[in-house]
Amino acid sequence: MVIRSAAFIKSSPKVEDCPSDSLPEYAFIGRSNVGKSSLINMITGLKTLAKTSGKPGKTQLINHFIINDKWYLVDLPGYGYAKVAKSQREVFSDMNTKYILGRENLQCLFLLIDSRLEPQKIDETFINWLGAHQVPFALVFTKSDKLSPNNLISSIARYKKHLYEFWEELPPMFICSAVTRIGRDEVLSYINDINIKLANQ
């Protein structure tokens, strides 16, 4: 897929405020500071489309970006940032839950995982929650440029082994880097395949 246009549409504090049309949506979510905004900018090819910050918890709204005037890329608030007030964390969780379970045109949720880290309990819980609610999702391992090729292979293998403790079949997985642009074509091809299937229905 070639990205010919990408533009910010709106930020929504509530799911009810999201765009009212029926274009397919592909949402990105992950623990705070996993590199979500940088990855979105890399995928779209626009360095400043999504606002990046060194401070976790920057994204606090549901952000819609329209791509090629045909589909939405959605930047969801992160989770698991302890320094955000508990009341805010509850709002973010409720916002994400309502979007993920109630947004009919959500086609796939891309869950970002820091490839450098051991499997995190909070991610495991979220993954299993998605499975229990039959939400279509894929895993995106970020910051792959921070590891040597051998360490990256070992890290992904370790994660797969951990997931097989709970899953008979693993979700789609992508290895990405906002620095080297690895994984960009694969993610866009996956989205394009879904869009083609939708168009043919």
N, C-alpha and C. Protein backbone atom coordinates (compact mmCIF):
# COMPACT_ATOMS: atom_id res chain seq x y z
N MET A 1 0.84 -1.20 0.00
CA MET A 1 0.00 0.00 0.00
C MET A 1 0.87 1.25 0.00
N VAL A 2 0.53 2.20 -0.84
CA VAL A 2 1.21 3.48 -0.88
C VAL A 2 0.38 4.51 -0.13
N ILE A 3 1.01 5.20 0.82
CA ILE A 3 0.31 6.26 1.55
C ILE A 3 0.39 7.54 0.73
N ARG A 4 -0.72 7.93 0.15
CA ARG A 4 -0.76 9.14 -0.68
C ARG A 4 -1.17 10.36 0.13
N SER A 5 -1.94 10.15 1.17
CA SER A 5 -2.35 11.26 2.03
C SER A 5 -2.63 10.75 3.43
N ALA A 6 -2.31 11.56 4.40
CA ALA A 6 -2.58 11.24 5.80
C ALA A 6 -2.82 12.55 6.53
N ALA A 7 -3.95 12.66 7.21
CA ALA A 7 -4.28 13.93 7.85
C ALA A 7 -5.00 13.69 9.18
N PHE A 8 -4.71 14.53 10.14
CA PHE A 8 -5.41 14.48 11.42
C PHE A 8 -6.84 14.96 11.23
N ILE A 9 -7.78 14.21 11.80
CA ILE A 9 -9.19 14.58 11.68
C ILE A 9 -9.72 15.19 12.97
N LYS A 10 -9.58 14.46 14.09
CA LYS A 10 -10.07 15.01 15.35
C LYS A 10 -9.58 14.19 16.53
N SER A 11 -9.63 14.81 17.71
CA SER A 11 -9.37 14.13 18.98
C SER A 11 -10.69 14.05 19.73
N SER A 12 -11.01 12.87 20.23
CA SER A 12 -12.30 12.67 20.88
C SER A 12 -12.12 12.24 22.33
N PRO A 13 -12.74 12.97 23.27
CA PRO A 13 -12.67 12.58 24.68
C PRO A 13 -13.59 11.41 25.01
N LYS A 14 -14.56 11.14 24.12
CA LYS A 14 -15.49 10.04 24.33
C LYS A 14 -15.71 9.31 23.00
N VAL A 15 -16.05 8.04 23.09
CA VAL A 15 -16.29 7.25 21.88
C VAL A 15 -17.42 7.87 21.06
N GLU A 16 -18.40 8.42 21.75
CA GLU A 16 -19.54 9.02 21.06
C GLU A 16 -19.13 10.20 20.19
N ASP A 17 -17.96 10.78 20.46
CA ASP A 17 -17.49 11.94 19.70
C ASP A 17 -16.66 11.56 18.48
N CYS A 18 -16.39 10.27 18.30
CA CYS A 18 -15.57 9.82 17.18
C CYS A 18 -16.31 10.07 15.86
N PRO A 19 -15.57 10.09 14.73
CA PRO A 19 -16.22 10.30 13.42
C PRO A 19 -17.40 9.36 13.22
N SER A 20 -18.45 9.90 12.60
CA SER A 20 -19.70 9.15 12.48
C SER A 20 -19.82 8.33 11.21
N ASP A 21 -18.83 8.45 10.30
CA ASP A 21 -18.94 7.66 9.08
C ASP A 21 -18.53 6.21 9.34
N SER A 22 -18.58 5.39 8.31
CA SER A 22 -18.37 3.95 8.48
C SER A 22 -17.06 3.46 7.87
N LEU A 23 -16.10 4.35 7.67
CA LEU A 23 -14.81 3.92 7.12
C LEU A 23 -14.14 2.95 8.08
N PRO A 24 -13.43 1.95 7.54
CA PRO A 24 -12.74 0.99 8.42
C PRO A 24 -11.68 1.68 9.27
N GLU A 25 -11.51 1.17 10.49
CA GLU A 25 -10.55 1.77 11.42
C GLU A 25 -9.55 0.72 11.90
N TYR A 26 -8.31 1.17 12.06
CA TYR A 26 -7.22 0.33 12.56
C TYR A 26 -6.57 1.09 13.71
N ALA A 27 -6.73 0.57 14.91
CA ALA A 27 -6.30 1.29 16.11
C ALA A 27 -4.98 0.76 16.64
N PHE A 28 -4.20 1.66 17.23
CA PHE A 28 -2.91 1.32 17.82
C PHE A 28 -2.95 1.64 19.31
N ILE A 29 -2.49 0.68 20.10
CA ILE A 29 -2.52 0.84 21.55
C ILE A 29 -1.31 0.13 22.15
N GLY A 30 -0.94 0.51 23.34
CA GLY A 30 0.18 -0.15 24.02
C GLY A 30 0.48 0.52 25.34
N ARG A 31 1.35 -0.09 26.10
CA ARG A 31 1.77 0.53 27.35
C ARG A 31 2.40 1.89 27.06
N SER A 32 2.28 2.79 28.01
CA SER A 32 2.84 4.12 27.84
C SER A 32 4.33 4.04 27.54
N ASN A 33 4.76 4.88 26.61
CA ASN A 33 6.17 4.99 26.22
C ASN A 33 6.68 3.78 25.44
N VAL A 34 5.79 3.06 24.78
CA VAL A 34 6.20 1.90 23.98
C VAL A 34 6.66 2.33 22.58
N GLY A 35 6.47 3.63 22.28
CA GLY A 35 6.89 4.13 20.97
C GLY A 35 5.76 4.22 19.97
N LYS A 36 4.54 4.38 20.48
CA LYS A 36 3.35 4.34 19.61
C LYS A 36 3.32 5.50 18.61
N SER A 37 3.52 6.71 19.09
CA SER A 37 3.45 7.87 18.19
C SER A 37 4.54 7.82 17.13
N SER A 38 5.73 7.42 17.53
CA SER A 38 6.84 7.30 16.57
C SER A 38 6.53 6.26 15.51
N LEU A 39 5.92 5.16 15.93
CA LEU A 39 5.57 4.11 14.98
C LEU A 39 4.49 4.58 14.00
N ILE A 40 3.50 5.30 14.51
CA ILE A 40 2.44 5.83 13.65
C ILE A 40 3.03 6.78 12.62
N ASN A 41 3.94 7.62 13.05
CA ASN A 41 4.59 8.55 12.12
C ASN A 41 5.40 7.80 11.06
N MET A 42 6.07 6.74 11.47
CA MET A 42 6.85 5.94 10.54
C MET A 42 5.94 5.26 9.51
N ILE A 43 4.83 4.70 9.97
CA ILE A 43 3.92 3.98 9.08
C ILE A 43 3.31 4.93 8.05
N THR A 44 2.93 6.12 8.49
CA THR A 44 2.29 7.08 7.59
C THR A 44 3.31 7.85 6.75
N GLY A 45 4.58 7.86 7.18
CA GLY A 45 5.60 8.58 6.45
C GLY A 45 5.64 10.06 6.76
N LEU A 46 4.91 10.49 7.81
CA LEU A 46 4.89 11.89 8.22
C LEU A 46 5.46 12.01 9.63
N LYS A 47 6.56 12.72 9.77
CA LYS A 47 7.30 12.74 11.03
C LYS A 47 6.54 13.38 12.19
N THR A 48 5.61 14.26 11.89
CA THR A 48 4.93 14.98 12.97
C THR A 48 3.42 14.76 12.99
N LEU A 49 2.95 13.70 12.33
CA LEU A 49 1.50 13.46 12.30
C LEU A 49 0.97 13.21 13.71
N ALA A 50 1.59 12.26 14.42
CA ALA A 50 1.23 11.99 15.81
C ALA A 50 2.26 12.66 16.70
N LYS A 51 1.82 13.30 17.74
CA LYS A 51 2.72 14.02 18.64
C LYS A 51 3.49 13.04 19.51
N THR A 52 4.82 13.16 19.49
CA THR A 52 5.65 12.30 20.31
C THR A 52 6.10 13.06 21.55
N SER A 53 6.40 12.33 22.61
CA SER A 53 6.83 12.96 23.85
C SER A 53 7.68 11.99 24.64
N GLY A 54 8.64 12.53 25.37
CA GLY A 54 9.45 11.70 26.25
C GLY A 54 8.73 11.36 27.53
N LYS A 55 7.58 12.00 27.74
CA LYS A 55 6.80 11.76 28.95
C LYS A 55 5.68 10.77 28.66
N PRO A 56 5.68 9.62 29.35
CA PRO A 56 4.61 8.64 29.15
C PRO A 56 3.25 9.25 29.49
N GLY A 57 2.21 8.73 28.84
CA GLY A 57 0.87 9.20 29.13
C GLY A 57 0.47 10.41 28.32
N LYS A 58 1.21 10.71 27.25
CA LYS A 58 0.93 11.89 26.44
C LYS A 58 -0.43 11.81 25.76
N THR A 59 -0.74 10.65 25.16
CA THR A 59 -2.02 10.49 24.47
C THR A 59 -3.11 10.25 25.50
N GLN A 60 -4.08 11.17 25.54
CA GLN A 60 -5.17 11.04 26.50
C GLN A 60 -6.54 11.10 25.84
N LEU A 61 -6.54 11.14 24.51
CA LEU A 61 -7.77 11.20 23.74
C LEU A 61 -7.72 10.15 22.63
N ILE A 62 -8.86 9.90 22.00
CA ILE A 62 -8.91 9.02 20.84
C ILE A 62 -8.64 9.88 19.61
N ASN A 63 -7.50 9.66 18.97
CA ASN A 63 -7.09 10.49 17.84
C ASN A 63 -7.31 9.77 16.52
N HIS A 64 -8.05 10.40 15.63
CA HIS A 64 -8.34 9.83 14.31
C HIS A 64 -7.52 10.52 13.22
N PHE A 65 -6.88 9.71 12.38
CA PHE A 65 -6.15 10.20 11.21
C PHE A 65 -6.73 9.49 9.99
N ILE A 66 -7.07 10.24 8.96
CA ILE A 66 -7.61 9.60 7.77
C ILE A 66 -6.49 9.35 6.77
N ILE A 67 -6.45 8.14 6.23
CA ILE A 67 -5.38 7.70 5.33
C ILE A 67 -5.96 7.45 3.94
N ASN A 68 -5.37 8.11 2.96
CA ASN A 68 -5.80 7.95 1.55
C ASN A 68 -7.30 8.19 1.35
N ASP A 69 -7.91 8.92 2.29
CA ASP A 69 -9.35 9.20 2.26
C ASP A 69 -10.19 7.94 2.26
N LYS A 70 -9.60 6.81 2.71
CA LYS A 70 -10.30 5.53 2.64
C LYS A 70 -10.43 4.80 3.99
N TRP A 71 -9.50 5.08 4.91
CA TRP A 71 -9.56 4.39 6.19
C TRP A 71 -8.93 5.24 7.29
N TYR A 72 -9.29 4.92 8.52
CA TYR A 72 -8.77 5.67 9.66
C TYR A 72 -7.69 4.88 10.41
N LEU A 73 -6.63 5.58 10.74
CA LEU A 73 -5.66 5.09 11.70
C LEU A 73 -6.01 5.77 13.02
N VAL A 74 -6.16 5.00 14.07
CA VAL A 74 -6.62 5.53 15.35
C VAL A 74 -5.55 5.35 16.42
N ASP A 75 -5.20 6.43 17.07
CA ASP A 75 -4.21 6.43 18.15
C ASP A 75 -4.96 6.45 19.47
N LEU A 76 -4.91 5.34 20.19
CA LEU A 76 -5.62 5.22 21.46
C LEU A 76 -4.71 5.57 22.63
N PRO A 77 -5.29 6.02 23.75
CA PRO A 77 -4.48 6.28 24.95
C PRO A 77 -3.74 5.03 25.41
N GLY A 78 -2.53 5.23 25.90
CA GLY A 78 -1.76 4.11 26.42
C GLY A 78 -2.29 3.65 27.77
N TYR A 79 -1.71 2.60 28.28
CA TYR A 79 -2.14 2.10 29.58
C TYR A 79 -0.92 1.75 30.42
N GLY A 80 -1.15 1.68 31.73
CA GLY A 80 -0.09 1.20 32.62
C GLY A 80 0.90 2.24 33.09
N TYR A 81 0.58 3.52 32.93
CA TYR A 81 1.51 4.55 33.40
C TYR A 81 1.13 4.95 34.82
N ALA A 82 1.95 4.56 35.79
CA ALA A 82 1.61 4.71 37.20
C ALA A 82 1.50 6.16 37.65
N LYS A 83 2.22 7.09 36.99
CA LYS A 83 2.24 8.47 37.45
C LYS A 83 1.01 9.26 37.03
N VAL A 84 0.18 8.67 36.18
CA VAL A 84 -1.09 9.30 35.86
C VAL A 84 -2.04 9.03 37.02
N ALA A 85 -2.79 10.04 37.42
CA ALA A 85 -3.69 9.90 38.57
C ALA A 85 -4.63 8.72 38.36
N LYS A 86 -4.97 8.04 39.45
CA LYS A 86 -5.82 6.86 39.37
C LYS A 86 -7.14 7.17 38.69
N SER A 87 -7.72 8.35 38.99
CA SER A 87 -8.99 8.72 38.38
C SER A 87 -8.85 8.84 36.88
N GLN A 88 -7.70 9.34 36.40
CA GLN A 88 -7.46 9.45 34.97
C GLN A 88 -7.28 8.07 34.35
N ARG A 89 -6.55 7.19 35.05
CA ARG A 89 -6.33 5.85 34.51
C ARG A 89 -7.67 5.14 34.30
N GLU A 90 -8.60 5.36 35.23
CA GLU A 90 -9.90 4.73 35.11
C GLU A 90 -10.65 5.28 33.92
N VAL A 91 -10.53 6.59 33.69
CA VAL A 91 -11.18 7.20 32.53
C VAL A 91 -10.59 6.64 31.24
N PHE A 92 -9.25 6.54 31.18
CA PHE A 92 -8.60 6.01 29.98
C PHE A 92 -9.04 4.57 29.74
N SER A 93 -9.07 3.78 30.80
CA SER A 93 -9.45 2.38 30.66
C SER A 93 -10.89 2.27 30.16
N ASP A 94 -11.77 3.07 30.72
CA ASP A 94 -13.16 3.04 30.32
C ASP A 94 -13.30 3.50 28.86
N MET A 95 -12.53 4.51 28.49
CA MET A 95 -12.56 5.02 27.12
C MET A 95 -12.10 3.96 26.14
N ASN A 96 -10.97 3.32 26.45
CA ASN A 96 -10.43 2.28 25.58
C ASN A 96 -11.39 1.10 25.48
N THR A 97 -11.94 0.70 26.62
CA THR A 97 -12.86 -0.44 26.63
C THR A 97 -14.08 -0.18 25.76
N LYS A 98 -14.66 1.01 25.90
CA LYS A 98 -15.84 1.35 25.11
C LYS A 98 -15.51 1.39 23.62
N TYR A 99 -14.34 1.92 23.30
CA TYR A 99 -13.96 1.98 21.88
C TYR A 99 -13.73 0.58 21.33
N ILE A 100 -12.92 -0.21 22.03
CA ILE A 100 -12.53 -1.53 21.52
C ILE A 100 -13.73 -2.47 21.38
N LEU A 101 -14.63 -2.43 22.35
CA LEU A 101 -15.76 -3.35 22.33
C LEU A 101 -16.98 -2.79 21.59
N GLY A 102 -17.04 -1.47 21.45
CA GLY A 102 -18.25 -0.88 20.89
C GLY A 102 -18.12 -0.25 19.52
N ARG A 103 -16.89 -0.10 19.02
CA ARG A 103 -16.69 0.57 17.73
C ARG A 103 -16.85 -0.45 16.61
N GLU A 104 -17.96 -0.40 15.91
CA GLU A 104 -18.29 -1.43 14.92
C GLU A 104 -17.32 -1.45 13.74
N ASN A 105 -16.77 -0.30 13.36
CA ASN A 105 -15.89 -0.28 12.19
C ASN A 105 -14.42 -0.50 12.54
N LEU A 106 -14.13 -0.89 13.79
CA LEU A 106 -12.77 -1.30 14.14
C LEU A 106 -12.47 -2.65 13.51
N GLN A 107 -11.49 -2.69 12.62
CA GLN A 107 -11.16 -3.93 11.91
C GLN A 107 -10.03 -4.71 12.57
N CYS A 108 -9.10 -3.99 13.18
CA CYS A 108 -7.98 -4.65 13.85
C CYS A 108 -7.37 -3.71 14.86
N LEU A 109 -7.03 -4.25 16.01
CA LEU A 109 -6.32 -3.50 17.05
C LEU A 109 -4.86 -3.95 17.04
N PHE A 110 -3.96 -3.02 16.79
CA PHE A 110 -2.54 -3.32 16.82
C PHE A 110 -2.00 -3.02 18.22
N LEU A 111 -1.61 -4.08 18.92
CA LEU A 111 -1.10 -3.95 20.28
C LEU A 111 0.42 -3.91 20.24
N LEU A 112 0.99 -2.81 20.69
CA LEU A 112 2.43 -2.61 20.63
C LEU A 112 3.12 -3.19 21.86
N ILE A 113 4.22 -3.91 21.61
CA ILE A 113 5.00 -4.55 22.67
C ILE A 113 6.46 -4.13 22.49
N ASP A 114 7.11 -3.71 23.57
CA ASP A 114 8.53 -3.36 23.52
C ASP A 114 9.34 -4.65 23.38
N SER A 115 10.00 -4.81 22.25
CA SER A 115 10.71 -6.06 21.96
C SER A 115 11.87 -6.32 22.91
N ARG A 116 12.31 -5.32 23.65
CA ARG A 116 13.47 -5.47 24.53
C ARG A 116 13.11 -6.11 25.87
N LEU A 117 11.84 -6.13 26.20
CA LEU A 117 11.43 -6.51 27.54
C LEU A 117 10.93 -7.95 27.63
N GLU A 118 11.06 -8.50 28.82
CA GLU A 118 10.42 -9.78 29.12
C GLU A 118 8.90 -9.59 29.03
N PRO A 119 8.14 -10.66 28.80
CA PRO A 119 6.68 -10.53 28.79
C PRO A 119 6.18 -9.85 30.06
N GLN A 120 5.38 -8.80 29.88
CA GLN A 120 4.86 -8.04 31.01
C GLN A 120 3.46 -8.52 31.38
N LYS A 121 3.20 -8.60 32.67
CA LYS A 121 1.91 -9.09 33.15
C LYS A 121 0.76 -8.26 32.62
N ILE A 122 0.93 -6.93 32.57
CA ILE A 122 -0.15 -6.06 32.12
C ILE A 122 -0.49 -6.31 30.65
N ASP A 123 0.53 -6.59 29.82
CA ASP A 123 0.28 -6.91 28.42
C ASP A 123 -0.40 -8.28 28.29
N GLU A 124 0.08 -9.22 29.08
CA GLU A 124 -0.51 -10.57 29.06
C GLU A 124 -1.99 -10.51 29.41
N THR A 125 -2.32 -9.74 30.44
CA THR A 125 -3.71 -9.60 30.86
C THR A 125 -4.55 -8.99 29.75
N PHE A 126 -4.00 -7.97 29.09
CA PHE A 126 -4.73 -7.29 28.03
C PHE A 126 -4.92 -8.21 26.82
N ILE A 127 -3.89 -8.95 26.46
CA ILE A 127 -3.97 -9.88 25.34
C ILE A 127 -5.05 -10.93 25.59
N ASN A 128 -5.06 -11.48 26.78
CA ASN A 128 -6.05 -12.50 27.10
C ASN A 128 -7.47 -11.91 27.15
N TRP A 129 -7.57 -10.66 27.57
CA TRP A 129 -8.86 -9.97 27.59
C TRP A 129 -9.38 -9.80 26.16
N LEU A 130 -8.49 -9.43 25.24
CA LEU A 130 -8.88 -9.29 23.83
C LEU A 130 -9.37 -10.62 23.28
N GLY A 131 -8.64 -11.68 23.62
CA GLY A 131 -9.04 -13.01 23.16
C GLY A 131 -10.40 -13.42 23.70
N ALA A 132 -10.63 -13.14 24.98
CA ALA A 132 -11.90 -13.51 25.61
C ALA A 132 -13.07 -12.78 24.97
N HIS A 133 -12.82 -11.56 24.47
CA HIS A 133 -13.89 -10.77 23.85
C HIS A 133 -13.87 -10.87 22.33
N GLN A 134 -13.01 -11.77 21.82
CA GLN A 134 -12.94 -12.03 20.37
C GLN A 134 -12.69 -10.76 19.56
N VAL A 135 -11.80 -9.93 20.06
CA VAL A 135 -11.42 -8.71 19.35
C VAL A 135 -10.29 -9.05 18.38
N PRO A 136 -10.43 -8.74 17.10
CA PRO A 136 -9.34 -9.00 16.15
C PRO A 136 -8.14 -8.09 16.45
N PHE A 137 -6.98 -8.72 16.67
CA PHE A 137 -5.82 -7.91 17.01
C PHE A 137 -4.55 -8.55 16.46
N ALA A 138 -3.51 -7.74 16.43
CA ALA A 138 -2.18 -8.19 16.02
C ALA A 138 -1.17 -7.59 16.98
N LEU A 139 -0.05 -8.27 17.14
CA LEU A 139 1.03 -7.77 18.01
C LEU A 139 2.10 -7.09 17.16
N VAL A 140 2.55 -5.94 17.62
CA VAL A 140 3.61 -5.21 16.94
C VAL A 140 4.76 -5.03 17.93
N PHE A 141 5.87 -5.68 17.63
CA PHE A 141 7.04 -5.57 18.50
C PHE A 141 7.86 -4.35 18.06
N THR A 142 7.93 -3.36 18.93
CA THR A 142 8.59 -2.09 18.61
C THR A 142 10.05 -2.08 19.05
N LYS A 143 10.76 -1.06 18.59
CA LYS A 143 12.13 -0.78 19.00
C LYS A 143 13.08 -1.93 18.70
N SER A 144 12.83 -2.63 17.59
CA SER A 144 13.67 -3.77 17.23
C SER A 144 15.11 -3.36 16.94
N ASP A 145 15.31 -2.08 16.58
CA ASP A 145 16.67 -1.60 16.29
C ASP A 145 17.53 -1.52 17.54
N LYS A 146 16.92 -1.63 18.70
CA LYS A 146 17.66 -1.55 19.96
C LYS A 146 18.31 -2.88 20.34
N LEU A 147 17.99 -3.93 19.59
CA LEU A 147 18.53 -5.26 19.88
C LEU A 147 19.36 -5.76 18.72
N SER A 148 20.34 -6.60 19.02
CA SER A 148 21.09 -7.26 17.96
C SER A 148 20.17 -8.27 17.29
N PRO A 149 20.44 -8.68 16.06
CA PRO A 149 19.58 -9.65 15.38
C PRO A 149 19.34 -10.92 16.19
N ASN A 150 20.40 -11.45 16.79
CA ASN A 150 20.25 -12.68 17.57
C ASN A 150 19.40 -12.46 18.82
N ASN A 151 19.62 -11.33 19.50
CA ASN A 151 18.84 -11.04 20.70
C ASN A 151 17.38 -10.77 20.36
N LEU A 152 17.14 -10.18 19.19
CA LEU A 152 15.77 -9.94 18.77
C LEU A 152 15.05 -11.26 18.51
N ILE A 153 15.71 -12.17 17.82
CA ILE A 153 15.13 -13.49 17.55
C ILE A 153 14.81 -14.20 18.85
N SER A 154 15.73 -14.13 19.80
CA SER A 154 15.54 -14.79 21.10
C SER A 154 14.38 -14.16 21.86
N SER A 155 14.27 -12.84 21.79
CA SER A 155 13.22 -12.13 22.51
C SER A 155 11.85 -12.49 21.96
N ILE A 156 11.71 -12.52 20.64
CA ILE A 156 10.42 -12.85 20.04
C ILE A 156 10.07 -14.31 20.31
N ALA A 157 11.07 -15.18 20.24
CA ALA A 157 10.83 -16.61 20.52
C ALA A 157 10.36 -16.80 21.96
N ARG A 158 10.96 -16.05 22.87
CA ARG A 158 10.57 -16.13 24.29
C ARG A 158 9.13 -15.66 24.46
N TYR A 159 8.76 -14.62 23.73
CA TYR A 159 7.40 -14.11 23.84
C TYR A 159 6.39 -15.11 23.29
N LYS A 160 6.73 -15.71 22.16
CA LYS A 160 5.84 -16.71 21.57
C LYS A 160 5.65 -17.90 22.51
N LYS A 161 6.74 -18.35 23.10
CA LYS A 161 6.66 -19.48 24.03
C LYS A 161 5.75 -19.15 25.20
N HIS A 162 5.86 -17.91 25.68
CA HIS A 162 5.01 -17.47 26.79
C HIS A 162 3.54 -17.46 26.37
N LEU A 163 3.24 -16.96 25.17
CA LEU A 163 1.86 -16.88 24.71
C LEU A 163 1.25 -18.26 24.50
N TYR A 164 2.07 -19.22 24.08
CA TYR A 164 1.56 -20.57 23.85
C TYR A 164 1.08 -21.24 25.15
N GLU A 165 1.41 -20.64 26.29
CA GLU A 165 0.89 -21.15 27.55
C GLU A 165 -0.61 -20.87 27.68
N PHE A 166 -1.09 -19.87 26.90
CA PHE A 166 -2.50 -19.46 26.99
C PHE A 166 -3.25 -19.63 25.68
N TRP A 167 -2.53 -19.66 24.57
CA TRP A 167 -3.15 -19.64 23.26
C TRP A 167 -2.76 -20.88 22.45
N GLU A 168 -3.75 -21.45 21.73
CA GLU A 168 -3.44 -22.55 20.82
C GLU A 168 -2.91 -22.00 19.50
N GLU A 169 -3.42 -20.87 19.09
CA GLU A 169 -3.00 -20.22 17.85
C GLU A 169 -2.65 -18.77 18.16
N LEU A 170 -1.49 -18.32 17.70
CA LEU A 170 -1.05 -16.97 18.02
C LEU A 170 -1.62 -15.95 17.03
N PRO A 171 -1.80 -14.72 17.48
CA PRO A 171 -2.28 -13.67 16.58
C PRO A 171 -1.17 -13.28 15.59
N PRO A 172 -1.51 -12.54 14.53
CA PRO A 172 -0.46 -12.04 13.62
C PRO A 172 0.56 -11.20 14.40
N MET A 173 1.82 -11.29 13.98
CA MET A 173 2.88 -10.55 14.66
C MET A 173 3.74 -9.80 13.65
N PHE A 174 4.15 -8.60 14.04
CA PHE A 174 5.00 -7.77 13.19
C PHE A 174 6.17 -7.24 14.01
N ILE A 175 7.34 -7.27 13.42
CA ILE A 175 8.53 -6.71 14.07
C ILE A 175 8.82 -5.36 13.41
N CYS A 176 8.85 -4.31 14.22
CA CYS A 176 8.94 -2.96 13.66
C CYS A 176 10.00 -2.12 14.36
N SER A 177 10.39 -1.08 13.65
CA SER A 177 11.29 -0.06 14.21
C SER A 177 10.96 1.27 13.56
N ALA A 178 10.72 2.27 14.37
CA ALA A 178 10.46 3.61 13.84
C ALA A 178 11.74 4.22 13.27
N VAL A 179 12.89 3.68 13.67
CA VAL A 179 14.17 4.21 13.21
C VAL A 179 14.56 3.63 11.86
N THR A 180 14.51 2.31 11.73
CA THR A 180 14.94 1.65 10.48
C THR A 180 13.79 1.43 9.51
N ARG A 181 12.55 1.67 9.97
CA ARG A 181 11.33 1.50 9.16
C ARG A 181 11.03 0.04 8.85
N ILE A 182 11.70 -0.87 9.54
CA ILE A 182 11.38 -2.29 9.40
C ILE A 182 9.93 -2.53 9.83
N GLY A 183 9.22 -3.34 9.08
CA GLY A 183 7.85 -3.71 9.41
C GLY A 183 6.79 -2.82 8.81
N ARG A 184 7.19 -1.68 8.27
CA ARG A 184 6.20 -0.75 7.72
C ARG A 184 5.39 -1.39 6.58
N ASP A 185 6.08 -1.96 5.61
CA ASP A 185 5.38 -2.56 4.47
C ASP A 185 4.48 -3.71 4.89
N GLU A 186 4.95 -4.49 5.86
CA GLU A 186 4.17 -5.64 6.31
C GLU A 186 2.86 -5.20 6.99
N VAL A 187 2.94 -4.19 7.84
CA VAL A 187 1.74 -3.69 8.52
C VAL A 187 0.76 -3.11 7.51
N LEU A 188 1.26 -2.29 6.59
CA LEU A 188 0.39 -1.67 5.59
C LEU A 188 -0.21 -2.72 4.65
N SER A 189 0.55 -3.75 4.31
CA SER A 189 0.02 -4.82 3.47
C SER A 189 -1.10 -5.57 4.18
N TYR A 190 -0.93 -5.78 5.48
CA TYR A 190 -1.95 -6.47 6.27
C TYR A 190 -3.25 -5.65 6.29
N ILE A 191 -3.12 -4.35 6.50
CA ILE A 191 -4.28 -3.46 6.49
C ILE A 191 -4.93 -3.45 5.11
N ASN A 192 -4.11 -3.40 4.07
CA ASN A 192 -4.63 -3.37 2.71
C ASN A 192 -5.41 -4.64 2.37
N ASP A 193 -4.89 -5.78 2.82
CA ASP A 193 -5.59 -7.05 2.58
C ASP A 193 -6.98 -7.04 3.21
N ILE A 194 -7.07 -6.51 4.43
CA ILE A 194 -8.37 -6.45 5.11
C ILE A 194 -9.31 -5.51 4.35
N ASN A 195 -8.78 -4.37 3.91
CA ASN A 195 -9.61 -3.42 3.17
C ASN A 195 -10.14 -4.02 1.88
N ILE A 196 -9.31 -4.80 1.20
CA ILE A 196 -9.74 -5.46 -0.03
C ILE A 196 -10.87 -6.45 0.26
N LYS A 197 -10.72 -7.22 1.33
CA LYS A 197 -11.77 -8.18 1.69
C LYS A 197 -13.07 -7.46 2.01
N LEU A 198 -12.98 -6.32 2.69
CA LEU A 198 -14.18 -5.55 3.03
C LEU A 198 -14.86 -5.03 1.76
N ALA A 199 -14.05 -4.58 0.83
CA ALA A 199 -14.59 -4.04 -0.43
C ALA A 199 -15.30 -5.10 -1.25
N ASN A 200 -14.86 -6.34 -1.09
CA ASN A 200 -15.43 -7.45 -1.88
C ASN A 200 -16.63 -8.13 -1.20
N GLN A 201 -16.94 -7.69 -0.01
CA GLN A 201 -18.07 -8.31 0.70
C GLN A 201 -19.41 -7.83 0.14
